């Protein structure tokens, strides 16, 4: 009788709370450590900005719209970041983005599109890996479907940023 009461008379979770509970179930607590707005990846030793570059960060909440920029603008923005006491942020290599995008519980999913990352929309992200063929082209990675390719540096993509 008591279980019946709890099940049928507990207040329902709001839609946002329900999504947050589901999101937290997907994140293994042993891979990332959140320090302010910076995520320390215990597997690789890299530090990642938790929010998409261009997000407004207010009291730990990422909001607004991340930037869509060409490669030169991405380098300028990332080179000017000072977050968590760290000044030498950079655009990650293609291998680093691919590694962080491999989520163990689903081959069609990405760490970047789930907690503890926030406000990192699906789409292409610049990498610092330059094309071997064309000097003005850089590799980009789509965290939505796992595809990658190289693109002319004036194409507008999102940015994630990393620190050693």
N, C-alpha and C. Protein backbone atom coordinates (compact mmCIF):
# COMPACT_ATOMS: atom_id res chain seq x y z
N UNK A 1 0.82 -1.19 0.00
CA UNK A 1 0.00 0.00 0.00
C UNK A 1 0.87 1.26 0.00
N UNK A 2 1.94 1.25 0.78
CA UNK A 2 2.82 2.41 0.88
C UNK A 2 3.50 2.70 -0.46
N UNK A 3 3.98 1.66 -1.17
CA UNK A 3 4.59 1.85 -2.48
C UNK A 3 3.59 2.41 -3.48
N UNK A 4 2.35 1.95 -3.40
CA UNK A 4 1.30 2.46 -4.27
C UNK A 4 1.14 3.97 -4.06
N UNK A 5 1.15 4.40 -2.81
CA UNK A 5 1.00 5.81 -2.49
C UNK A 5 2.17 6.62 -3.07
N UNK A 6 3.39 6.14 -2.87
CA UNK A 6 4.56 6.86 -3.39
C UNK A 6 4.52 6.97 -4.91
N UNK A 7 4.15 5.89 -5.56
CA UNK A 7 4.15 5.89 -7.01
C UNK A 7 3.08 6.82 -7.59
N UNK A 8 1.89 6.75 -7.06
CA UNK A 8 0.78 7.50 -7.63
C UNK A 8 0.62 8.91 -7.07
N UNK A 9 1.21 9.19 -5.93
CA UNK A 9 0.98 10.50 -5.33
C UNK A 9 2.25 11.32 -5.16
N UNK A 10 3.37 10.88 -5.70
CA UNK A 10 4.59 11.69 -5.69
C UNK A 10 4.43 12.80 -6.71
N UNK A 11 4.94 14.01 -6.41
CA UNK A 11 4.82 15.08 -7.40
C UNK A 11 5.62 14.74 -8.65
N UNK A 12 5.06 14.99 -9.82
CA UNK A 12 5.77 14.66 -11.06
C UNK A 12 6.95 15.60 -11.27
N UNK A 13 7.98 15.09 -11.95
CA UNK A 13 9.11 15.93 -12.31
C UNK A 13 8.69 16.86 -13.44
N UNK A 14 9.19 18.06 -13.41
CA UNK A 14 8.96 18.97 -14.52
C UNK A 14 9.75 18.48 -15.72
N UNK A 15 9.39 18.91 -16.91
CA UNK A 15 10.05 18.44 -18.14
C UNK A 15 11.55 18.66 -18.08
N UNK A 16 12.01 19.82 -17.63
CA UNK A 16 13.44 20.10 -17.54
C UNK A 16 14.13 19.21 -16.53
N UNK A 17 13.48 18.98 -15.38
CA UNK A 17 14.06 18.13 -14.35
C UNK A 17 14.17 16.69 -14.85
N UNK A 18 13.16 16.24 -15.55
CA UNK A 18 13.16 14.89 -16.11
C UNK A 18 14.34 14.71 -17.07
N UNK A 19 14.53 15.70 -17.94
CA UNK A 19 15.64 15.65 -18.90
C UNK A 19 16.97 15.66 -18.18
N UNK A 20 17.09 16.47 -17.11
CA UNK A 20 18.34 16.54 -16.36
C UNK A 20 18.65 15.21 -15.70
N UNK A 21 17.63 14.58 -15.11
CA UNK A 21 17.83 13.27 -14.47
C UNK A 21 18.31 12.26 -15.51
N UNK A 22 17.68 12.24 -16.69
CA UNK A 22 18.10 11.32 -17.75
C UNK A 22 19.52 11.63 -18.20
N UNK A 23 19.86 12.90 -18.31
CA UNK A 23 21.19 13.32 -18.74
C UNK A 23 22.25 12.85 -17.74
N UNK A 24 21.98 13.00 -16.46
CA UNK A 24 22.94 12.62 -15.44
C UNK A 24 23.19 11.12 -15.44
N UNK A 25 22.21 10.33 -15.85
CA UNK A 25 22.38 8.88 -15.91
C UNK A 25 23.41 8.49 -16.97
N UNK A 26 23.59 9.33 -18.00
CA UNK A 26 24.46 9.00 -19.11
C UNK A 26 25.93 9.32 -18.84
N UNK A 27 26.22 10.05 -17.78
CA UNK A 27 27.57 10.54 -17.56
C UNK A 27 28.29 9.71 -16.50
N UNK A 28 29.35 9.01 -16.89
CA UNK A 28 30.12 8.31 -15.87
C UNK A 28 30.90 9.34 -15.05
N UNK A 29 30.80 9.26 -13.75
CA UNK A 29 31.41 10.26 -12.89
C UNK A 29 32.93 10.14 -12.83
N UNK A 30 33.48 9.06 -13.34
CA UNK A 30 34.91 8.87 -13.21
C UNK A 30 35.73 9.45 -14.36
N UNK A 31 35.12 9.93 -15.44
CA UNK A 31 35.89 10.44 -16.57
C UNK A 31 36.23 11.92 -16.44
N UNK A 32 35.26 12.75 -16.04
CA UNK A 32 35.45 14.19 -16.00
C UNK A 32 35.36 14.73 -14.59
N UNK A 33 36.15 15.76 -14.35
CA UNK A 33 36.06 16.50 -13.10
C UNK A 33 35.78 17.95 -13.45
N UNK A 34 34.70 18.50 -12.91
CA UNK A 34 34.33 19.88 -13.19
C UNK A 34 35.01 20.79 -12.18
N UNK A 35 35.79 21.73 -12.70
CA UNK A 35 36.46 22.73 -11.87
C UNK A 35 36.06 24.09 -12.42
N UNK A 36 35.08 24.73 -11.79
CA UNK A 36 34.54 25.99 -12.32
C UNK A 36 33.84 25.72 -13.65
N UNK A 37 34.31 26.38 -14.70
CA UNK A 37 33.73 26.19 -16.03
C UNK A 37 34.61 25.30 -16.90
N UNK A 38 35.58 24.64 -16.27
CA UNK A 38 36.55 23.81 -17.00
C UNK A 38 36.36 22.35 -16.61
N UNK A 39 36.37 21.48 -17.62
CA UNK A 39 36.28 20.04 -17.38
C UNK A 39 37.66 19.42 -17.55
N UNK A 40 38.10 18.70 -16.53
CA UNK A 40 39.36 17.96 -16.62
C UNK A 40 39.03 16.54 -17.05
N UNK A 41 39.58 16.12 -18.17
CA UNK A 41 39.37 14.77 -18.70
C UNK A 41 40.45 13.87 -18.12
N UNK A 42 40.07 13.03 -17.19
CA UNK A 42 41.03 12.17 -16.50
C UNK A 42 41.65 11.13 -17.43
N UNK A 43 40.96 10.81 -18.51
CA UNK A 43 41.48 9.82 -19.46
C UNK A 43 42.62 10.38 -20.30
N UNK A 44 42.47 11.63 -20.76
CA UNK A 44 43.47 12.21 -21.66
C UNK A 44 44.39 13.23 -21.01
N UNK A 45 44.00 13.75 -19.83
CA UNK A 45 44.77 14.80 -19.18
C UNK A 45 44.50 16.19 -19.74
N UNK A 46 43.57 16.30 -20.68
CA UNK A 46 43.24 17.60 -21.27
C UNK A 46 42.17 18.31 -20.45
N UNK A 47 42.15 19.62 -20.57
CA UNK A 47 41.09 20.43 -19.97
C UNK A 47 40.26 21.01 -21.11
N UNK A 48 38.95 20.94 -20.96
CA UNK A 48 38.02 21.42 -21.98
C UNK A 48 37.15 22.49 -21.37
N UNK A 49 36.85 23.53 -22.15
CA UNK A 49 35.86 24.49 -21.73
C UNK A 49 34.51 23.78 -21.78
N UNK A 50 33.75 23.86 -20.71
CA UNK A 50 32.49 23.11 -20.60
C UNK A 50 31.42 23.60 -21.56
N UNK A 51 31.42 24.89 -21.87
CA UNK A 51 30.39 25.48 -22.72
C UNK A 51 30.93 25.71 -24.13
N UNK A 52 30.03 25.72 -25.10
CA UNK A 52 30.42 26.09 -26.45
C UNK A 52 30.98 27.51 -26.46
N UNK A 53 32.06 27.74 -27.21
CA UNK A 53 32.70 29.06 -27.22
C UNK A 53 31.72 30.09 -27.79
N UNK A 54 31.52 31.15 -27.03
CA UNK A 54 30.56 32.18 -27.38
C UNK A 54 29.35 32.15 -26.46
N UNK A 55 29.22 31.09 -25.68
CA UNK A 55 28.12 31.01 -24.71
C UNK A 55 28.33 32.04 -23.62
N UNK A 56 27.22 32.51 -23.08
CA UNK A 56 27.27 33.35 -21.89
C UNK A 56 27.28 32.40 -20.70
N UNK A 57 28.22 32.61 -19.77
CA UNK A 57 28.27 31.76 -18.59
C UNK A 57 27.87 32.61 -17.40
N UNK A 58 26.75 32.25 -16.77
CA UNK A 58 26.25 33.00 -15.64
C UNK A 58 25.95 32.03 -14.51
N UNK A 59 26.71 32.13 -13.43
CA UNK A 59 26.54 31.26 -12.26
C UNK A 59 26.58 29.79 -12.65
N UNK A 60 27.52 29.43 -13.53
CA UNK A 60 27.72 28.05 -13.93
C UNK A 60 26.76 27.55 -14.98
N UNK A 61 25.86 28.41 -15.47
CA UNK A 61 24.89 28.00 -16.49
C UNK A 61 25.30 28.59 -17.83
N UNK A 62 25.37 27.74 -18.84
CA UNK A 62 25.74 28.16 -20.19
C UNK A 62 24.49 28.54 -20.95
N UNK A 63 24.48 29.74 -21.51
CA UNK A 63 23.31 30.18 -22.27
C UNK A 63 23.75 30.94 -23.50
N UNK A 64 22.80 31.45 -24.21
CA UNK A 64 23.11 32.20 -25.42
C UNK A 64 23.46 31.28 -26.57
N UNK A 65 24.03 31.86 -27.60
CA UNK A 65 24.36 31.10 -28.81
C UNK A 65 25.86 31.03 -29.01
N UNK A 66 26.40 29.81 -29.08
CA UNK A 66 27.82 29.68 -29.41
C UNK A 66 28.12 30.28 -30.78
N UNK A 67 29.37 30.71 -30.96
CA UNK A 67 29.79 31.35 -32.20
C UNK A 67 29.89 30.37 -33.37
N UNK A 68 29.51 30.83 -34.54
CA UNK A 68 29.79 30.17 -35.82
C UNK A 68 30.77 31.10 -36.54
N UNK A 69 32.01 30.65 -36.72
CA UNK A 69 33.05 31.53 -37.27
C UNK A 69 33.97 30.79 -38.23
N UNK A 70 34.68 31.56 -39.05
CA UNK A 70 35.73 31.01 -39.89
C UNK A 70 36.94 30.63 -39.05
N UNK A 71 37.90 29.94 -39.65
CA UNK A 71 39.02 29.41 -38.88
C UNK A 71 39.89 30.51 -38.26
N UNK A 72 40.23 31.55 -39.01
CA UNK A 72 41.09 32.62 -38.48
C UNK A 72 40.42 33.30 -37.29
N UNK A 73 39.12 33.54 -37.39
CA UNK A 73 38.38 34.15 -36.28
C UNK A 73 38.35 33.20 -35.08
N UNK A 74 38.21 31.90 -35.33
CA UNK A 74 38.24 30.90 -34.24
C UNK A 74 39.57 30.96 -33.51
N UNK A 75 40.68 31.02 -34.25
CA UNK A 75 42.00 31.12 -33.62
C UNK A 75 42.13 32.39 -32.79
N UNK A 76 41.63 33.51 -33.32
CA UNK A 76 41.71 34.78 -32.61
C UNK A 76 40.90 34.72 -31.30
N UNK A 77 39.70 34.19 -31.38
CA UNK A 77 38.84 34.10 -30.20
C UNK A 77 39.47 33.19 -29.15
N UNK A 78 39.86 32.00 -29.56
CA UNK A 78 40.41 31.02 -28.62
C UNK A 78 41.73 31.54 -28.02
N UNK A 79 42.55 32.19 -28.84
CA UNK A 79 43.82 32.73 -28.35
C UNK A 79 43.65 33.82 -27.31
N UNK A 80 42.49 34.47 -27.28
CA UNK A 80 42.24 35.54 -26.33
C UNK A 80 41.49 35.10 -25.08
N UNK A 81 41.19 33.82 -24.96
CA UNK A 81 40.44 33.34 -23.80
C UNK A 81 41.31 33.28 -22.54
N UNK A 82 40.72 33.63 -21.44
CA UNK A 82 41.34 33.47 -20.12
C UNK A 82 40.25 32.95 -19.21
N UNK A 83 40.29 31.64 -18.97
CA UNK A 83 39.23 30.97 -18.21
C UNK A 83 39.87 30.03 -17.20
N UNK A 84 39.37 30.06 -15.99
CA UNK A 84 39.87 29.16 -14.96
C UNK A 84 41.34 29.39 -14.64
N UNK A 85 41.81 30.61 -14.80
CA UNK A 85 43.22 30.91 -14.54
C UNK A 85 44.15 30.44 -15.64
N UNK A 86 43.60 29.97 -16.76
CA UNK A 86 44.39 29.46 -17.88
C UNK A 86 44.27 30.40 -19.06
N UNK A 87 45.40 30.75 -19.68
CA UNK A 87 45.40 31.69 -20.79
C UNK A 87 45.73 31.05 -22.14
N UNK A 88 46.36 29.93 -22.15
CA UNK A 88 46.83 29.35 -23.42
C UNK A 88 45.91 28.25 -23.94
N UNK A 89 44.64 28.63 -24.17
CA UNK A 89 43.66 27.73 -24.77
C UNK A 89 43.96 27.60 -26.25
N UNK A 90 43.50 26.52 -26.86
CA UNK A 90 43.74 26.29 -28.29
C UNK A 90 42.58 25.52 -28.88
N UNK A 91 42.54 25.51 -30.21
CA UNK A 91 41.57 24.68 -30.93
C UNK A 91 42.11 23.25 -30.90
N UNK A 92 41.30 22.27 -30.57
CA UNK A 92 41.80 20.90 -30.48
C UNK A 92 42.13 20.31 -31.85
N UNK A 93 42.98 19.29 -31.85
CA UNK A 93 43.27 18.56 -33.08
C UNK A 93 42.07 17.70 -33.44
N UNK A 94 42.05 17.22 -34.66
CA UNK A 94 40.97 16.33 -35.09
C UNK A 94 40.94 15.08 -34.21
N UNK A 95 42.10 14.52 -33.91
CA UNK A 95 42.17 13.32 -33.08
C UNK A 95 41.59 13.57 -31.68
N UNK A 96 41.84 14.75 -31.12
CA UNK A 96 41.31 15.07 -29.79
C UNK A 96 39.80 15.20 -29.82
N UNK A 97 39.26 15.84 -30.85
CA UNK A 97 37.80 15.96 -30.95
C UNK A 97 37.17 14.58 -31.17
N UNK A 98 37.79 13.78 -32.04
CA UNK A 98 37.24 12.44 -32.28
C UNK A 98 37.25 11.61 -31.00
N UNK A 99 38.32 11.71 -30.23
CA UNK A 99 38.42 10.92 -29.00
C UNK A 99 37.36 11.35 -27.99
N UNK A 100 37.18 12.65 -27.82
CA UNK A 100 36.20 13.13 -26.85
C UNK A 100 34.78 12.88 -27.35
N UNK A 101 34.63 12.67 -28.63
CA UNK A 101 33.30 12.44 -29.21
C UNK A 101 32.87 11.00 -29.14
N UNK A 102 33.75 10.11 -28.80
CA UNK A 102 33.39 8.69 -28.71
C UNK A 102 32.79 8.43 -27.34
N UNK A 103 31.50 8.26 -27.31
CA UNK A 103 30.80 7.99 -26.07
C UNK A 103 30.57 6.49 -25.96
N UNK A 104 31.00 5.88 -24.89
CA UNK A 104 30.99 4.41 -24.81
C UNK A 104 29.63 3.73 -24.91
N UNK A 105 28.54 4.40 -24.50
CA UNK A 105 27.26 3.69 -24.49
C UNK A 105 26.47 3.82 -25.79
N UNK A 106 26.98 4.59 -26.75
CA UNK A 106 26.26 4.72 -28.01
C UNK A 106 27.22 5.18 -29.11
N UNK A 107 27.37 4.40 -30.17
CA UNK A 107 28.27 4.82 -31.24
C UNK A 107 27.76 6.03 -32.02
N UNK A 108 26.49 6.37 -31.87
CA UNK A 108 25.91 7.51 -32.58
C UNK A 108 25.79 8.74 -31.70
N UNK A 109 26.55 8.78 -30.62
CA UNK A 109 26.42 9.86 -29.68
C UNK A 109 27.78 10.47 -29.37
N UNK A 110 27.80 11.55 -28.63
CA UNK A 110 29.03 12.27 -28.36
C UNK A 110 29.04 12.79 -26.94
N UNK A 111 30.22 12.76 -26.31
CA UNK A 111 30.36 13.38 -25.00
C UNK A 111 29.99 14.85 -25.10
N UNK A 112 30.37 15.47 -26.21
CA UNK A 112 30.18 16.91 -26.35
C UNK A 112 28.72 17.33 -26.33
N UNK A 113 27.82 16.45 -26.70
CA UNK A 113 26.41 16.84 -26.74
C UNK A 113 25.66 16.47 -25.46
N UNK A 114 26.38 16.09 -24.41
CA UNK A 114 25.75 15.71 -23.14
C UNK A 114 26.50 16.31 -21.97
N UNK A 115 25.83 16.32 -20.81
CA UNK A 115 26.48 16.72 -19.58
C UNK A 115 27.69 15.82 -19.38
N UNK A 116 28.77 16.32 -18.88
CA UNK A 116 28.92 17.60 -18.22
C UNK A 116 29.17 18.78 -19.17
N UNK A 117 29.28 18.55 -20.48
CA UNK A 117 29.36 19.66 -21.43
C UNK A 117 28.00 20.32 -21.50
N UNK A 118 27.98 21.60 -21.88
CA UNK A 118 26.71 22.31 -21.93
C UNK A 118 26.73 23.33 -23.06
N UNK A 119 25.60 23.49 -23.71
CA UNK A 119 25.42 24.45 -24.79
C UNK A 119 26.44 24.23 -25.91
N UNK A 120 26.61 22.97 -26.26
CA UNK A 120 27.48 22.58 -27.38
C UNK A 120 26.55 21.94 -28.42
N UNK A 121 26.03 22.75 -29.35
CA UNK A 121 25.05 22.22 -30.30
C UNK A 121 25.65 21.22 -31.28
N UNK A 122 24.81 20.36 -31.80
CA UNK A 122 25.25 19.43 -32.84
C UNK A 122 25.61 20.23 -34.07
N UNK A 123 26.63 19.78 -34.79
CA UNK A 123 27.10 20.47 -35.97
C UNK A 123 28.60 20.29 -36.11
N UNK A 124 29.18 20.98 -37.08
CA UNK A 124 30.62 20.89 -37.31
C UNK A 124 31.39 21.81 -36.37
N UNK A 125 32.56 21.32 -35.93
CA UNK A 125 33.47 22.07 -35.06
C UNK A 125 34.86 22.06 -35.70
N UNK A 126 35.52 23.23 -35.67
CA UNK A 126 36.87 23.32 -36.21
C UNK A 126 37.84 22.48 -35.41
N UNK A 127 38.81 21.91 -36.11
CA UNK A 127 39.98 21.30 -35.46
C UNK A 127 41.19 22.10 -35.95
N UNK A 128 42.30 21.95 -35.27
CA UNK A 128 43.53 22.64 -35.69
C UNK A 128 44.32 21.83 -36.71
N UNK A 129 43.79 20.68 -37.10
CA UNK A 129 44.48 19.81 -38.05
C UNK A 129 44.27 20.35 -39.47
N UNK A 130 45.38 20.73 -40.09
CA UNK A 130 45.32 21.31 -41.43
C UNK A 130 45.32 20.20 -42.48
N UNK A 131 44.69 20.47 -43.60
CA UNK A 131 44.68 19.54 -44.73
C UNK A 131 46.10 19.33 -45.23
N UNK A 132 46.43 18.10 -45.61
CA UNK A 132 47.75 17.81 -46.18
C UNK A 132 47.85 18.31 -47.62
N UNK A 133 46.72 18.60 -48.23
CA UNK A 133 46.68 18.95 -49.64
C UNK A 133 46.55 20.46 -49.86
N UNK A 134 45.65 21.09 -49.12
CA UNK A 134 45.35 22.51 -49.35
C UNK A 134 45.69 23.31 -48.10
N UNK A 135 46.53 24.34 -48.26
CA UNK A 135 47.02 25.07 -47.10
C UNK A 135 45.96 25.93 -46.41
N UNK A 136 44.86 26.27 -47.06
CA UNK A 136 43.81 27.07 -46.43
C UNK A 136 42.62 26.22 -45.99
N UNK A 137 42.82 24.92 -45.85
CA UNK A 137 41.73 24.05 -45.42
C UNK A 137 42.11 23.32 -44.14
N UNK A 138 41.12 23.21 -43.27
CA UNK A 138 41.30 22.54 -41.97
C UNK A 138 40.20 21.50 -41.81
N UNK A 139 40.54 20.47 -41.05
CA UNK A 139 39.57 19.42 -40.76
C UNK A 139 38.56 19.93 -39.75
N UNK A 140 37.32 19.51 -39.93
CA UNK A 140 36.25 19.81 -38.98
C UNK A 140 35.52 18.49 -38.69
N UNK A 141 34.92 18.43 -37.54
CA UNK A 141 34.26 17.22 -37.07
C UNK A 141 32.81 17.55 -36.72
N UNK A 142 31.88 16.73 -37.19
CA UNK A 142 30.46 16.91 -36.89
C UNK A 142 30.10 16.03 -35.70
N UNK A 143 29.82 16.66 -34.55
CA UNK A 143 29.49 15.86 -33.37
C UNK A 143 28.11 15.25 -33.46
N UNK A 144 27.32 15.67 -34.43
CA UNK A 144 25.98 15.10 -34.60
C UNK A 144 26.01 13.72 -35.22
N UNK A 145 26.85 13.53 -36.26
CA UNK A 145 26.85 12.23 -36.93
C UNK A 145 28.23 11.57 -36.99
N UNK A 146 29.25 12.22 -36.44
CA UNK A 146 30.59 11.62 -36.39
C UNK A 146 31.38 11.74 -37.68
N UNK A 147 30.87 12.50 -38.64
CA UNK A 147 31.61 12.64 -39.90
C UNK A 147 32.66 13.74 -39.77
N UNK A 148 33.64 13.71 -40.64
CA UNK A 148 34.66 14.76 -40.66
C UNK A 148 35.08 15.00 -42.10
N UNK A 149 35.66 16.14 -42.33
CA UNK A 149 36.15 16.49 -43.65
C UNK A 149 36.95 17.78 -43.53
N UNK A 150 37.66 18.14 -44.60
CA UNK A 150 38.36 19.41 -44.54
C UNK A 150 37.63 20.44 -45.38
N UNK A 151 37.72 21.68 -44.89
CA UNK A 151 36.93 22.77 -45.43
C UNK A 151 37.80 24.02 -45.56
N UNK A 152 37.45 24.88 -46.50
CA UNK A 152 38.14 26.15 -46.67
C UNK A 152 37.99 26.94 -45.37
N UNK A 153 39.02 27.68 -45.00
CA UNK A 153 39.06 28.34 -43.70
C UNK A 153 38.04 29.46 -43.49
N UNK A 154 37.32 29.85 -44.53
CA UNK A 154 36.28 30.88 -44.36
C UNK A 154 34.90 30.28 -44.05
N UNK A 155 34.79 28.94 -44.10
CA UNK A 155 33.54 28.28 -43.73
C UNK A 155 33.27 28.57 -42.25
N UNK A 156 32.03 28.71 -41.88
CA UNK A 156 31.68 29.04 -40.49
C UNK A 156 31.23 27.79 -39.73
N UNK A 157 32.01 27.47 -38.70
CA UNK A 157 31.71 26.34 -37.83
C UNK A 157 31.78 26.77 -36.37
N UNK A 158 31.33 25.89 -35.47
CA UNK A 158 31.41 26.12 -34.04
C UNK A 158 32.84 25.85 -33.55
N UNK A 159 33.07 26.23 -32.28
CA UNK A 159 34.40 26.04 -31.68
C UNK A 159 34.26 25.37 -30.31
N UNK A 160 35.08 24.39 -30.05
CA UNK A 160 35.33 23.92 -28.68
C UNK A 160 36.79 24.24 -28.43
N UNK A 161 37.17 24.33 -27.18
CA UNK A 161 38.54 24.71 -26.89
C UNK A 161 39.12 23.80 -25.81
N UNK A 162 40.44 23.63 -25.92
CA UNK A 162 41.12 22.67 -25.06
C UNK A 162 42.40 23.30 -24.51
N UNK A 163 42.85 22.76 -23.40
CA UNK A 163 44.09 23.21 -22.76
C UNK A 163 44.83 21.95 -22.28
N UNK A 164 46.15 21.97 -22.40
CA UNK A 164 46.93 20.79 -21.92
C UNK A 164 46.84 20.65 -20.44
